[in-house]
N, C-alpha and C. Protein backbone atom coordinates (compact mmCIF):
# COMPACT_ATOMS: atom_id res chain seq x y z
N UNK A 1 -118.91 83.69 118.26
CA UNK A 1 -119.35 84.94 117.63
C UNK A 1 -120.35 85.67 118.53
N UNK A 2 -120.25 86.98 118.54
CA UNK A 2 -121.14 87.79 119.36
C UNK A 2 -122.59 87.62 118.91
N UNK A 3 -123.48 87.41 119.87
CA UNK A 3 -124.90 87.23 119.57
C UNK A 3 -125.71 88.33 120.25
N UNK A 4 -126.89 88.58 119.69
CA UNK A 4 -127.77 89.61 120.23
C UNK A 4 -128.11 89.34 121.69
N UNK A 5 -128.48 88.10 121.98
CA UNK A 5 -128.89 87.77 123.35
C UNK A 5 -127.73 87.90 124.33
N UNK A 6 -126.48 87.72 123.82
CA UNK A 6 -125.32 87.83 124.69
C UNK A 6 -125.19 89.25 125.25
N UNK A 7 -125.48 90.25 124.41
CA UNK A 7 -125.39 91.64 124.86
C UNK A 7 -126.42 91.97 125.93
N UNK A 8 -127.45 91.14 126.05
CA UNK A 8 -128.51 91.37 127.02
C UNK A 8 -128.42 90.41 128.20
N UNK A 9 -127.33 89.65 128.30
CA UNK A 9 -127.25 88.56 129.27
C UNK A 9 -126.35 88.88 130.45
N UNK A 10 -126.46 88.05 131.49
CA UNK A 10 -125.57 88.15 132.64
C UNK A 10 -124.14 87.79 132.24
N UNK A 11 -123.99 86.94 131.22
CA UNK A 11 -122.66 86.56 130.75
C UNK A 11 -121.92 87.78 130.21
N UNK A 12 -122.63 88.65 129.50
CA UNK A 12 -122.01 89.88 129.00
C UNK A 12 -121.61 90.79 130.16
N UNK A 13 -122.46 90.85 131.18
CA UNK A 13 -122.11 91.64 132.36
C UNK A 13 -120.85 91.11 133.03
N UNK A 14 -120.67 89.79 132.97
CA UNK A 14 -119.46 89.19 133.55
C UNK A 14 -118.22 89.60 132.77
N UNK A 15 -118.36 89.69 131.43
CA UNK A 15 -117.25 90.16 130.61
C UNK A 15 -116.90 91.60 130.99
N UNK A 16 -117.93 92.42 131.17
CA UNK A 16 -117.70 93.81 131.58
C UNK A 16 -116.97 93.87 132.91
N UNK A 17 -117.38 93.00 133.83
CA UNK A 17 -116.80 93.01 135.17
C UNK A 17 -115.32 92.64 135.16
N UNK A 18 -114.87 91.96 134.09
CA UNK A 18 -113.47 91.57 134.01
C UNK A 18 -112.56 92.74 133.66
N UNK A 19 -113.13 93.85 133.19
CA UNK A 19 -112.34 95.03 132.86
C UNK A 19 -111.98 95.80 134.13
N UNK A 20 -110.82 96.44 134.15
CA UNK A 20 -110.48 97.27 135.31
C UNK A 20 -111.54 98.33 135.56
N UNK A 21 -111.80 98.61 136.82
CA UNK A 21 -112.88 99.54 137.16
C UNK A 21 -112.68 100.92 136.56
N UNK A 22 -111.44 101.38 136.46
CA UNK A 22 -111.20 102.72 135.93
C UNK A 22 -111.40 102.78 134.42
N UNK A 23 -111.46 101.62 133.77
CA UNK A 23 -111.68 101.55 132.32
C UNK A 23 -113.14 101.28 131.99
N UNK A 24 -113.76 100.44 132.79
CA UNK A 24 -115.13 99.99 132.51
C UNK A 24 -116.13 101.13 132.65
N UNK A 25 -116.98 101.28 131.66
CA UNK A 25 -118.06 102.27 131.72
C UNK A 25 -119.31 101.64 132.33
N UNK A 26 -119.97 102.37 133.20
CA UNK A 26 -121.21 101.90 133.80
C UNK A 26 -122.35 101.99 132.78
N UNK A 27 -123.42 101.22 132.98
CA UNK A 27 -124.58 101.35 132.09
C UNK A 27 -125.11 102.78 132.03
N UNK A 28 -125.03 103.48 133.14
CA UNK A 28 -125.51 104.87 133.16
C UNK A 28 -124.65 105.76 132.26
N UNK A 29 -123.36 105.57 132.30
CA UNK A 29 -122.46 106.38 131.48
C UNK A 29 -122.64 106.05 130.00
N UNK A 30 -122.82 104.76 129.70
CA UNK A 30 -123.06 104.35 128.32
C UNK A 30 -124.35 104.98 127.80
N UNK A 31 -125.40 104.94 128.62
CA UNK A 31 -126.67 105.54 128.23
C UNK A 31 -126.56 107.03 128.03
N UNK A 32 -125.78 107.69 128.87
CA UNK A 32 -125.59 109.13 128.75
C UNK A 32 -124.88 109.47 127.44
N UNK A 33 -123.89 108.66 127.07
CA UNK A 33 -123.18 108.87 125.81
C UNK A 33 -124.14 108.76 124.63
N UNK A 34 -125.02 107.76 124.69
CA UNK A 34 -125.98 107.57 123.60
C UNK A 34 -126.93 108.77 123.49
N UNK A 35 -127.44 109.22 124.60
CA UNK A 35 -128.39 110.35 124.58
C UNK A 35 -127.70 111.62 124.10
N UNK A 36 -126.47 111.83 124.54
CA UNK A 36 -125.74 113.03 124.11
C UNK A 36 -125.49 112.99 122.61
N UNK A 37 -125.11 111.83 122.10
CA UNK A 37 -124.86 111.70 120.66
C UNK A 37 -126.13 111.93 119.86
N UNK A 38 -127.24 111.36 120.31
CA UNK A 38 -128.50 111.52 119.59
C UNK A 38 -129.00 112.96 119.64
N UNK A 39 -128.60 113.70 120.67
CA UNK A 39 -129.01 115.10 120.75
C UNK A 39 -128.35 115.93 119.65
N UNK A 40 -127.26 115.40 119.07
CA UNK A 40 -126.55 116.09 117.99
C UNK A 40 -126.92 115.53 116.62
N UNK A 41 -127.90 114.67 116.59
CA UNK A 41 -128.34 114.07 115.32
C UNK A 41 -128.82 115.17 114.37
N UNK A 42 -128.38 115.13 113.13
CA UNK A 42 -128.83 116.14 112.16
C UNK A 42 -130.35 116.14 112.02
N UNK A 43 -130.90 117.31 111.90
CA UNK A 43 -132.35 117.46 111.79
C UNK A 43 -132.85 116.75 110.54
N UNK A 44 -133.97 116.04 110.69
CA UNK A 44 -134.63 115.35 109.58
C UNK A 44 -133.76 114.30 108.91
N UNK A 45 -132.80 113.75 109.65
CA UNK A 45 -131.91 112.72 109.10
C UNK A 45 -132.29 111.35 109.64
N UNK A 46 -132.28 110.34 108.77
CA UNK A 46 -132.40 108.97 109.24
C UNK A 46 -131.17 108.61 110.06
N UNK A 47 -131.29 107.57 110.86
CA UNK A 47 -130.14 107.10 111.63
C UNK A 47 -129.47 105.95 110.88
N UNK A 48 -128.31 106.26 110.33
CA UNK A 48 -127.46 105.27 109.67
C UNK A 48 -126.28 104.97 110.60
N UNK A 49 -125.74 103.77 110.48
CA UNK A 49 -124.55 103.39 111.23
C UNK A 49 -123.51 102.87 110.25
N UNK A 50 -122.31 103.47 110.27
CA UNK A 50 -121.24 103.02 109.38
C UNK A 50 -120.55 101.81 110.00
N UNK A 51 -120.44 100.74 109.21
CA UNK A 51 -119.87 99.47 109.68
C UNK A 51 -118.55 99.24 108.96
N UNK A 52 -117.47 99.11 109.71
CA UNK A 52 -116.16 98.94 109.08
C UNK A 52 -115.39 97.75 109.63
N UNK A 53 -115.91 97.10 110.67
CA UNK A 53 -115.27 95.93 111.26
C UNK A 53 -116.26 94.79 111.35
N UNK A 54 -116.41 94.22 112.54
CA UNK A 54 -117.29 93.06 112.70
C UNK A 54 -118.76 93.39 112.46
N UNK A 55 -119.11 94.66 112.52
CA UNK A 55 -120.49 95.04 112.19
C UNK A 55 -120.84 94.70 110.75
N UNK A 56 -119.83 94.53 109.89
CA UNK A 56 -120.11 94.16 108.50
C UNK A 56 -120.68 92.75 108.43
N UNK A 57 -120.01 91.78 109.09
CA UNK A 57 -120.45 90.39 108.96
C UNK A 57 -121.31 89.92 110.13
N UNK A 58 -121.33 90.70 111.20
CA UNK A 58 -122.11 90.28 112.37
C UNK A 58 -122.73 91.50 113.05
N UNK A 59 -123.70 92.15 112.38
CA UNK A 59 -124.25 93.39 112.93
C UNK A 59 -125.04 93.23 114.22
N UNK A 60 -125.63 92.04 114.43
CA UNK A 60 -126.41 91.73 115.63
C UNK A 60 -127.74 92.50 115.67
N UNK A 61 -127.70 93.79 115.38
CA UNK A 61 -128.90 94.62 115.45
C UNK A 61 -129.79 94.42 114.22
N UNK A 62 -131.06 94.82 114.35
CA UNK A 62 -132.01 94.77 113.24
C UNK A 62 -132.01 96.10 112.50
N UNK A 63 -132.09 96.04 111.18
CA UNK A 63 -132.08 97.26 110.38
C UNK A 63 -132.95 97.05 109.15
N UNK A 64 -133.24 98.13 108.43
CA UNK A 64 -134.16 98.04 107.29
C UNK A 64 -133.49 98.32 105.95
N UNK A 65 -132.24 98.72 105.97
CA UNK A 65 -131.54 98.99 104.71
C UNK A 65 -130.04 98.84 104.94
N UNK A 66 -129.36 98.33 103.92
CA UNK A 66 -127.91 98.14 103.98
C UNK A 66 -127.32 98.53 102.63
N UNK A 67 -126.29 99.37 102.66
CA UNK A 67 -125.68 99.86 101.43
C UNK A 67 -124.16 99.86 101.57
N UNK A 68 -123.47 99.57 100.47
CA UNK A 68 -122.03 99.81 100.46
C UNK A 68 -121.79 101.31 100.56
N UNK A 69 -120.72 101.69 101.26
CA UNK A 69 -120.49 103.12 101.49
C UNK A 69 -119.01 103.40 101.70
N UNK A 70 -118.64 104.65 101.44
CA UNK A 70 -117.28 105.12 101.66
C UNK A 70 -117.30 106.26 102.66
N UNK A 71 -116.43 106.17 103.64
CA UNK A 71 -116.27 107.22 104.65
C UNK A 71 -115.00 107.99 104.35
N UNK A 72 -115.10 109.23 103.87
CA UNK A 72 -113.89 110.01 103.59
C UNK A 72 -113.25 110.50 104.89
N UNK A 73 -111.93 110.62 104.86
CA UNK A 73 -111.22 111.25 105.97
C UNK A 73 -110.80 110.36 107.11
N UNK A 74 -111.08 109.05 107.01
CA UNK A 74 -110.75 108.13 108.10
C UNK A 74 -110.24 106.81 107.53
N UNK A 75 -109.34 106.15 108.27
CA UNK A 75 -108.78 104.87 107.84
C UNK A 75 -108.80 103.87 108.99
N UNK A 76 -108.92 102.59 108.63
CA UNK A 76 -108.87 101.52 109.63
C UNK A 76 -107.49 101.44 110.26
N UNK A 77 -107.46 101.17 111.57
CA UNK A 77 -106.19 100.98 112.26
C UNK A 77 -106.45 100.29 113.60
N UNK A 78 -105.62 99.33 113.94
CA UNK A 78 -105.75 98.62 115.22
C UNK A 78 -104.97 99.38 116.29
N UNK A 79 -105.45 100.55 116.65
CA UNK A 79 -104.76 101.41 117.60
C UNK A 79 -105.28 101.28 119.03
N UNK A 80 -106.30 100.47 119.25
CA UNK A 80 -106.92 100.40 120.57
C UNK A 80 -106.55 99.10 121.28
N UNK A 81 -105.97 99.22 122.46
CA UNK A 81 -105.67 98.04 123.25
C UNK A 81 -106.94 97.29 123.63
N UNK A 82 -106.85 95.99 123.74
CA UNK A 82 -108.01 95.15 123.99
C UNK A 82 -107.71 94.20 125.15
N UNK A 83 -108.66 94.14 126.11
CA UNK A 83 -108.49 93.28 127.28
C UNK A 83 -109.71 92.38 127.52
N UNK A 84 -110.66 92.37 126.60
CA UNK A 84 -111.87 91.56 126.77
C UNK A 84 -112.32 91.10 125.39
N UNK A 85 -113.38 90.28 125.35
CA UNK A 85 -113.90 89.82 124.07
C UNK A 85 -112.98 88.82 123.41
N UNK A 86 -112.15 89.28 122.47
CA UNK A 86 -111.18 88.42 121.80
C UNK A 86 -109.78 88.59 122.39
N UNK A 87 -109.74 89.01 123.63
CA UNK A 87 -108.47 89.16 124.35
C UNK A 87 -108.77 89.06 125.84
N UNK A 88 -107.74 89.18 126.64
CA UNK A 88 -107.89 89.13 128.10
C UNK A 88 -106.70 89.84 128.72
N UNK A 89 -106.72 89.99 130.03
CA UNK A 89 -105.58 90.60 130.71
C UNK A 89 -104.33 89.74 130.51
N UNK A 90 -104.51 88.43 130.47
CA UNK A 90 -103.38 87.53 130.28
C UNK A 90 -102.90 87.50 128.84
N UNK A 91 -103.83 87.70 127.91
CA UNK A 91 -103.51 87.67 126.48
C UNK A 91 -104.12 88.90 125.81
N UNK A 92 -103.57 90.09 126.06
CA UNK A 92 -104.13 91.32 125.50
C UNK A 92 -103.96 91.38 123.99
N UNK A 93 -104.85 92.15 123.34
CA UNK A 93 -104.80 92.27 121.90
C UNK A 93 -105.01 93.70 121.45
N UNK A 94 -105.50 93.84 120.26
CA UNK A 94 -105.79 95.14 119.69
C UNK A 94 -107.20 95.14 119.09
N UNK A 95 -107.85 96.28 119.21
CA UNK A 95 -109.20 96.47 118.70
C UNK A 95 -109.15 97.46 117.54
N UNK A 96 -109.96 97.20 116.54
CA UNK A 96 -109.99 98.05 115.36
C UNK A 96 -110.70 99.36 115.64
N UNK A 97 -110.12 100.44 115.12
CA UNK A 97 -110.75 101.75 115.19
C UNK A 97 -110.56 102.48 113.89
N UNK A 98 -110.93 103.73 113.87
CA UNK A 98 -110.71 104.60 112.72
C UNK A 98 -109.82 105.77 113.15
N UNK A 99 -108.82 106.05 112.34
CA UNK A 99 -107.90 107.14 112.59
C UNK A 99 -107.99 108.17 111.46
N UNK A 100 -107.70 109.43 111.73
CA UNK A 100 -107.81 110.47 110.69
C UNK A 100 -106.91 110.20 109.50
N UNK A 101 -107.44 110.52 108.30
CA UNK A 101 -106.68 110.39 107.07
C UNK A 101 -107.19 109.30 106.17
N UNK A 102 -107.05 109.51 104.86
CA UNK A 102 -107.45 108.50 103.90
C UNK A 102 -108.96 108.36 103.78
N UNK A 103 -109.41 107.15 103.51
CA UNK A 103 -110.84 106.85 103.44
C UNK A 103 -111.05 105.39 103.77
N UNK A 104 -112.26 105.06 104.15
CA UNK A 104 -112.61 103.68 104.50
C UNK A 104 -113.85 103.26 103.74
N UNK A 105 -113.76 102.11 103.12
CA UNK A 105 -114.92 101.52 102.45
C UNK A 105 -115.51 100.43 103.34
N UNK A 106 -116.83 100.47 103.48
CA UNK A 106 -117.54 99.49 104.29
C UNK A 106 -118.99 99.48 103.89
N UNK A 107 -119.87 99.39 104.87
CA UNK A 107 -121.30 99.44 104.60
C UNK A 107 -121.96 100.35 105.64
N UNK A 108 -123.12 100.85 105.29
CA UNK A 108 -123.96 101.53 106.27
C UNK A 108 -125.27 100.79 106.39
N UNK A 109 -125.82 100.79 107.59
CA UNK A 109 -127.14 100.21 107.82
C UNK A 109 -128.05 101.31 108.34
N UNK A 110 -129.31 101.23 107.94
CA UNK A 110 -130.28 102.25 108.35
C UNK A 110 -131.31 101.61 109.27
N UNK A 111 -131.58 102.29 110.38
CA UNK A 111 -132.52 101.78 111.37
C UNK A 111 -133.92 102.31 111.11
N UNK A 112 -134.89 101.50 111.42
CA UNK A 112 -136.27 101.95 111.46
C UNK A 112 -136.41 102.93 112.63
N UNK A 113 -137.02 104.05 112.38
CA UNK A 113 -137.17 105.06 113.43
C UNK A 113 -137.87 104.49 114.65
N UNK A 114 -138.83 103.61 114.44
CA UNK A 114 -139.58 103.03 115.57
C UNK A 114 -138.77 102.02 116.37
N UNK A 115 -137.61 101.61 115.85
CA UNK A 115 -136.82 100.59 116.54
C UNK A 115 -135.62 101.17 117.28
N UNK A 116 -135.43 102.47 117.23
CA UNK A 116 -134.22 103.07 117.80
C UNK A 116 -134.04 102.77 119.28
N UNK A 117 -135.13 102.78 120.03
CA UNK A 117 -135.04 102.54 121.48
C UNK A 117 -134.61 101.11 121.79
N UNK A 118 -134.82 100.19 120.84
CA UNK A 118 -134.42 98.80 121.03
C UNK A 118 -133.02 98.52 120.50
N UNK A 119 -132.68 99.12 119.37
CA UNK A 119 -131.44 98.77 118.67
C UNK A 119 -130.23 99.58 119.10
N UNK A 120 -130.39 100.87 119.30
CA UNK A 120 -129.22 101.70 119.62
C UNK A 120 -128.59 101.35 120.97
N UNK A 121 -129.37 101.00 122.00
CA UNK A 121 -128.70 100.57 123.24
C UNK A 121 -127.80 99.36 123.03
N UNK A 122 -128.14 98.47 122.09
CA UNK A 122 -127.28 97.33 121.80
C UNK A 122 -125.99 97.78 121.13
N UNK A 123 -126.10 98.77 120.24
CA UNK A 123 -124.91 99.32 119.60
C UNK A 123 -123.97 99.91 120.64
N UNK A 124 -124.53 100.71 121.54
CA UNK A 124 -123.69 101.35 122.57
C UNK A 124 -123.12 100.34 123.55
N UNK A 125 -123.90 99.34 123.92
CA UNK A 125 -123.38 98.30 124.82
C UNK A 125 -122.20 97.58 124.18
N UNK A 126 -122.27 97.38 122.91
CA UNK A 126 -121.21 96.67 122.17
C UNK A 126 -119.97 97.54 122.00
N UNK A 127 -120.15 98.79 121.63
CA UNK A 127 -119.04 99.64 121.24
C UNK A 127 -118.42 100.43 122.39
N UNK A 128 -119.17 100.69 123.44
CA UNK A 128 -118.73 101.65 124.44
C UNK A 128 -118.49 101.05 125.82
N UNK A 129 -118.15 99.78 125.89
CA UNK A 129 -117.96 99.16 127.20
C UNK A 129 -116.78 99.79 127.96
N UNK A 130 -115.82 100.33 127.21
CA UNK A 130 -114.69 101.00 127.88
C UNK A 130 -114.53 102.44 127.43
N UNK A 131 -115.46 102.93 126.61
CA UNK A 131 -115.37 104.30 126.12
C UNK A 131 -114.19 104.54 125.20
N UNK A 132 -113.73 103.50 124.50
CA UNK A 132 -112.55 103.62 123.65
C UNK A 132 -112.85 104.31 122.33
N UNK A 133 -114.14 104.50 122.03
CA UNK A 133 -114.53 105.17 120.79
C UNK A 133 -115.18 106.52 121.08
N UNK A 134 -115.16 107.37 120.05
CA UNK A 134 -115.95 108.60 120.06
C UNK A 134 -117.05 108.45 119.02
N UNK A 135 -118.32 108.43 119.42
CA UNK A 135 -119.40 108.36 118.44
C UNK A 135 -119.62 109.75 117.82
N UNK A 136 -119.51 109.83 116.52
CA UNK A 136 -119.64 111.11 115.81
C UNK A 136 -120.54 110.93 114.60
N UNK A 137 -121.07 112.04 114.12
CA UNK A 137 -121.86 112.05 112.88
C UNK A 137 -120.97 112.51 111.74
N UNK A 138 -120.89 111.69 110.69
CA UNK A 138 -120.00 111.98 109.58
C UNK A 138 -120.71 111.75 108.24
N UNK A 139 -120.34 112.52 107.21
CA UNK A 139 -120.91 112.27 105.89
C UNK A 139 -120.28 111.03 105.26
N UNK A 140 -121.10 110.18 104.67
CA UNK A 140 -120.62 109.03 103.93
C UNK A 140 -121.24 109.04 102.53
N UNK A 141 -120.57 108.37 101.61
CA UNK A 141 -121.01 108.34 100.22
C UNK A 141 -121.48 106.93 99.90
N UNK A 142 -122.73 106.80 99.53
CA UNK A 142 -123.28 105.50 99.18
C UNK A 142 -122.87 105.12 97.75
N UNK A 143 -122.95 103.82 97.47
CA UNK A 143 -122.70 103.39 96.11
C UNK A 143 -123.75 104.05 95.20
N UNK A 144 -123.30 104.70 94.17
CA UNK A 144 -124.21 105.47 93.33
C UNK A 144 -124.06 106.96 93.53
N UNK A 145 -123.35 107.34 94.62
CA UNK A 145 -123.02 108.74 94.79
C UNK A 145 -123.86 109.52 95.79
N UNK A 146 -124.97 108.94 96.27
CA UNK A 146 -125.79 109.66 97.23
C UNK A 146 -125.05 109.80 98.56
N UNK A 147 -125.18 110.98 99.18
CA UNK A 147 -124.53 111.24 100.46
C UNK A 147 -125.56 111.23 101.59
N UNK A 148 -125.17 110.60 102.69
CA UNK A 148 -126.00 110.62 103.90
C UNK A 148 -125.09 110.90 105.08
N UNK A 149 -125.69 111.30 106.18
CA UNK A 149 -124.94 111.48 107.42
C UNK A 149 -125.10 110.23 108.28
N UNK A 150 -124.00 109.70 108.75
CA UNK A 150 -124.02 108.43 109.45
C UNK A 150 -123.36 108.54 110.82
N UNK A 151 -123.81 107.73 111.73
CA UNK A 151 -123.14 107.55 113.02
C UNK A 151 -121.89 106.71 112.79
N UNK A 152 -120.76 107.17 113.32
CA UNK A 152 -119.49 106.48 113.15
C UNK A 152 -118.77 106.43 114.50
N UNK A 153 -118.22 105.27 114.84
CA UNK A 153 -117.45 105.13 116.07
C UNK A 153 -115.96 105.17 115.69
N UNK A 154 -115.29 106.27 116.04
CA UNK A 154 -113.88 106.44 115.73
C UNK A 154 -113.06 106.26 117.00
N UNK A 155 -111.78 105.94 116.83
CA UNK A 155 -110.90 105.73 117.99
C UNK A 155 -110.74 107.02 118.79
N UNK A 156 -110.80 106.90 120.11
CA UNK A 156 -110.59 108.04 120.99
C UNK A 156 -109.12 108.07 121.40
N UNK A 157 -108.38 109.02 120.87
CA UNK A 157 -106.95 109.09 121.13
C UNK A 157 -106.63 109.48 122.59
N UNK A 158 -107.63 109.95 123.30
CA UNK A 158 -107.41 110.31 124.70
C UNK A 158 -107.62 109.11 125.63
N UNK A 159 -108.05 107.98 125.08
CA UNK A 159 -108.33 106.81 125.91
C UNK A 159 -107.02 106.17 126.39
N UNK A 160 -107.00 105.66 127.62
CA UNK A 160 -105.77 105.04 128.15
C UNK A 160 -105.26 103.86 127.32
N UNK A 161 -106.14 103.19 126.59
CA UNK A 161 -105.73 102.04 125.80
C UNK A 161 -105.32 102.39 124.37
N UNK A 162 -105.39 103.67 124.01
CA UNK A 162 -104.99 104.04 122.65
C UNK A 162 -103.49 103.88 122.49
N UNK A 163 -103.09 103.31 121.36
CA UNK A 163 -101.68 103.05 121.08
C UNK A 163 -101.29 103.71 119.76
N UNK A 164 -100.21 104.44 119.77
CA UNK A 164 -99.80 105.17 118.56
C UNK A 164 -99.35 104.24 117.45
N UNK A 165 -98.60 103.20 117.79
CA UNK A 165 -98.01 102.31 116.79
C UNK A 165 -98.96 101.15 116.49
N UNK A 166 -99.56 101.18 115.31
CA UNK A 166 -100.42 100.09 114.87
C UNK A 166 -99.90 99.50 113.57
N UNK A 167 -98.58 99.58 113.37
CA UNK A 167 -97.99 99.05 112.15
C UNK A 167 -98.12 97.53 112.11
N UNK A 168 -98.09 96.99 110.92
CA UNK A 168 -98.23 95.54 110.75
C UNK A 168 -97.14 94.82 111.53
N UNK A 169 -95.91 95.27 111.43
CA UNK A 169 -94.79 94.61 112.11
C UNK A 169 -94.99 94.56 113.61
N UNK A 170 -95.51 95.64 114.17
CA UNK A 170 -95.68 95.72 115.62
C UNK A 170 -96.82 94.86 116.12
N UNK A 171 -97.95 94.88 115.42
CA UNK A 171 -99.14 94.28 116.02
C UNK A 171 -99.43 92.84 115.61
N UNK A 172 -98.78 92.31 114.57
CA UNK A 172 -99.05 90.91 114.20
C UNK A 172 -98.77 89.95 115.35
N UNK A 173 -97.63 90.05 116.06
CA UNK A 173 -97.42 89.15 117.20
C UNK A 173 -98.48 89.32 118.29
N UNK A 174 -98.97 90.54 118.47
CA UNK A 174 -100.01 90.80 119.48
C UNK A 174 -101.31 90.14 119.06
N UNK A 175 -101.70 90.36 117.80
CA UNK A 175 -102.94 89.79 117.29
C UNK A 175 -102.90 88.27 117.30
N UNK A 176 -101.74 87.70 116.98
CA UNK A 176 -101.61 86.25 116.87
C UNK A 176 -101.72 85.56 118.22
N UNK A 177 -101.38 86.25 119.30
CA UNK A 177 -101.36 85.60 120.61
C UNK A 177 -102.60 85.90 121.46
N UNK A 178 -103.39 86.89 121.06
CA UNK A 178 -104.52 87.32 121.88
C UNK A 178 -105.73 86.43 121.69
N UNK A 179 -106.39 86.13 122.80
CA UNK A 179 -107.63 85.34 122.75
C UNK A 179 -108.47 85.64 123.98
N UNK A 180 -109.76 85.36 123.86
CA UNK A 180 -110.68 85.61 124.96
C UNK A 180 -111.95 84.82 124.78
N UNK A 181 -113.00 85.16 125.52
CA UNK A 181 -114.24 84.36 125.49
C UNK A 181 -114.95 84.38 124.14
N UNK A 182 -114.69 85.37 123.29
CA UNK A 182 -115.35 85.44 121.99
C UNK A 182 -114.49 84.87 120.86
N UNK A 183 -113.30 84.36 121.19
CA UNK A 183 -112.45 83.80 120.15
C UNK A 183 -111.09 84.47 120.15
N UNK A 184 -110.38 84.36 119.02
CA UNK A 184 -109.04 84.93 118.92
C UNK A 184 -109.07 86.26 118.19
N UNK A 185 -108.08 87.07 118.48
CA UNK A 185 -107.91 88.35 117.79
C UNK A 185 -107.59 88.11 116.31
N UNK A 186 -106.80 87.09 116.02
CA UNK A 186 -106.43 86.78 114.64
C UNK A 186 -107.66 86.42 113.81
N UNK A 187 -108.56 85.66 114.40
CA UNK A 187 -109.77 85.27 113.68
C UNK A 187 -110.56 86.50 113.26
N UNK A 188 -110.60 87.51 114.12
CA UNK A 188 -111.30 88.75 113.80
C UNK A 188 -110.72 89.36 112.52
N UNK A 189 -109.40 89.46 112.46
CA UNK A 189 -108.76 90.07 111.29
C UNK A 189 -109.06 89.27 110.03
N UNK A 190 -108.98 87.96 110.11
CA UNK A 190 -109.20 87.13 108.94
C UNK A 190 -110.66 87.15 108.50
N UNK A 191 -111.57 87.21 109.44
CA UNK A 191 -112.98 87.36 109.08
C UNK A 191 -113.23 88.70 108.39
N UNK A 192 -112.57 89.74 108.90
CA UNK A 192 -112.72 91.05 108.29
C UNK A 192 -112.18 91.04 106.86
N UNK A 193 -111.01 90.45 106.67
CA UNK A 193 -110.43 90.36 105.32
C UNK A 193 -111.38 89.64 104.37
N UNK A 194 -111.99 88.55 104.84
CA UNK A 194 -112.94 87.82 104.01
C UNK A 194 -114.18 88.65 103.71
N UNK A 195 -114.67 89.37 104.71
CA UNK A 195 -115.86 90.20 104.52
C UNK A 195 -115.60 91.31 103.50
N UNK A 196 -114.42 91.90 103.56
CA UNK A 196 -114.08 92.95 102.59
C UNK A 196 -113.94 92.37 101.19
N UNK A 197 -113.39 91.17 101.09
CA UNK A 197 -113.31 90.50 99.80
C UNK A 197 -114.70 90.28 99.22
N UNK A 198 -115.63 89.86 100.07
CA UNK A 198 -117.01 89.65 99.62
C UNK A 198 -117.64 90.95 99.11
N UNK A 199 -117.24 92.07 99.71
CA UNK A 199 -117.74 93.38 99.29
C UNK A 199 -116.98 93.95 98.09
N UNK A 200 -115.94 93.22 97.66
CA UNK A 200 -115.04 93.68 96.59
C UNK A 200 -114.34 94.97 96.99
N UNK A 201 -113.92 94.99 98.25
CA UNK A 201 -113.21 96.14 98.82
C UNK A 201 -111.77 95.73 99.08
N UNK A 202 -110.85 96.60 98.70
CA UNK A 202 -109.44 96.40 99.02
C UNK A 202 -109.00 97.37 100.10
N UNK A 203 -108.43 96.84 101.16
CA UNK A 203 -107.84 97.65 102.20
C UNK A 203 -106.43 97.10 102.40
N UNK A 204 -105.43 97.84 101.93
CA UNK A 204 -104.06 97.33 101.94
C UNK A 204 -103.59 96.98 103.34
N UNK A 205 -104.01 97.75 104.32
CA UNK A 205 -103.60 97.51 105.71
C UNK A 205 -104.16 96.18 106.22
N UNK A 206 -105.44 95.97 106.01
CA UNK A 206 -106.08 94.72 106.46
C UNK A 206 -105.53 93.53 105.69
N UNK A 207 -105.33 93.70 104.38
CA UNK A 207 -104.76 92.61 103.58
C UNK A 207 -103.37 92.24 104.08
N UNK A 208 -102.57 93.24 104.42
CA UNK A 208 -101.22 92.96 104.91
C UNK A 208 -101.25 92.25 106.26
N UNK A 209 -102.15 92.67 107.14
CA UNK A 209 -102.28 92.00 108.43
C UNK A 209 -102.72 90.55 108.26
N UNK A 210 -103.72 90.33 107.40
CA UNK A 210 -104.22 88.97 107.19
C UNK A 210 -103.13 88.07 106.62
N UNK A 211 -102.39 88.59 105.65
CA UNK A 211 -101.32 87.82 105.05
C UNK A 211 -100.23 87.48 106.08
N UNK A 212 -99.86 88.47 106.89
CA UNK A 212 -98.83 88.24 107.90
C UNK A 212 -99.28 87.25 108.96
N UNK A 213 -100.55 87.31 109.32
CA UNK A 213 -101.07 86.37 110.33
C UNK A 213 -101.08 84.95 109.78
N UNK A 214 -101.41 84.79 108.52
CA UNK A 214 -101.39 83.45 107.93
C UNK A 214 -99.96 82.91 107.89
N UNK A 215 -99.00 83.78 107.57
CA UNK A 215 -97.60 83.36 107.56
C UNK A 215 -97.11 83.06 108.98
N UNK A 216 -97.67 83.81 109.94
CA UNK A 216 -97.28 83.61 111.34
C UNK A 216 -97.71 82.23 111.82
N UNK A 217 -98.72 81.68 111.19
CA UNK A 217 -99.18 80.34 111.52
C UNK A 217 -99.90 80.27 112.83
N UNK A 218 -99.80 79.16 113.51
CA UNK A 218 -100.58 78.91 114.72
C UNK A 218 -99.97 79.44 115.99
N UNK A 219 -99.18 80.47 115.91
CA UNK A 219 -98.53 81.01 117.12
C UNK A 219 -99.55 81.69 118.00
N UNK A 220 -100.02 81.00 119.00
CA UNK A 220 -100.94 81.60 119.96
C UNK A 220 -102.36 81.56 119.49
N UNK A 221 -103.12 80.58 119.90
CA UNK A 221 -104.54 80.56 119.59
C UNK A 221 -104.81 80.01 118.20
N UNK A 222 -106.08 79.90 117.89
CA UNK A 222 -106.54 79.34 116.62
C UNK A 222 -106.64 80.43 115.57
N UNK A 223 -106.00 80.21 114.43
CA UNK A 223 -106.10 81.14 113.32
C UNK A 223 -106.89 80.47 112.21
N UNK A 224 -108.01 81.03 111.85
CA UNK A 224 -108.90 80.41 110.86
C UNK A 224 -108.54 80.94 109.47
N UNK A 225 -108.19 80.08 108.52
CA UNK A 225 -107.82 80.55 107.19
C UNK A 225 -109.01 81.05 106.39
């Protein structure tokens, strides 16, 4: 599982180095993306981060508030090719993103204003190693109906690793066979399904993937039930 210290270690730099040079983002480019995004931060708004994947069960960063939330206008989809982390060049996989349409239920976390210089670089190091996401500010609805503006990482359709077909039939064999230094791609999906169950959230797409992966059995790597 990804750890805070890993994002700050030479081992993480080695993972970055395994990516093709034309895909890998430099620390300078990652920092520039963060500064540009923060320059568009809504005036007088706290910094919230919408969590829809592994950030739900393994946020790594420190925060001061966590709420269940719904993001209108976007849906989970494994449309991003993956070559590191839970995959490799030899065993490529798929990474979760958000695509236009529908809605996504997850959680939002709120950062202490005084901690932004420590926490946000970890978020960007984690999410933007290949620039596969677009960080945007989006309205989300908290449990109880209150609306806040949150930072959201959505899939970048212009990225070389973006894949149009993320149907269950297409990607289950990919997810089942992919593995890397952080574990298997299948384990990610099953952990996500469990995390959503704990939140009492139903996502038909994730449920279908998890069910298909369990039926697929041990084909390629360890699948944790």
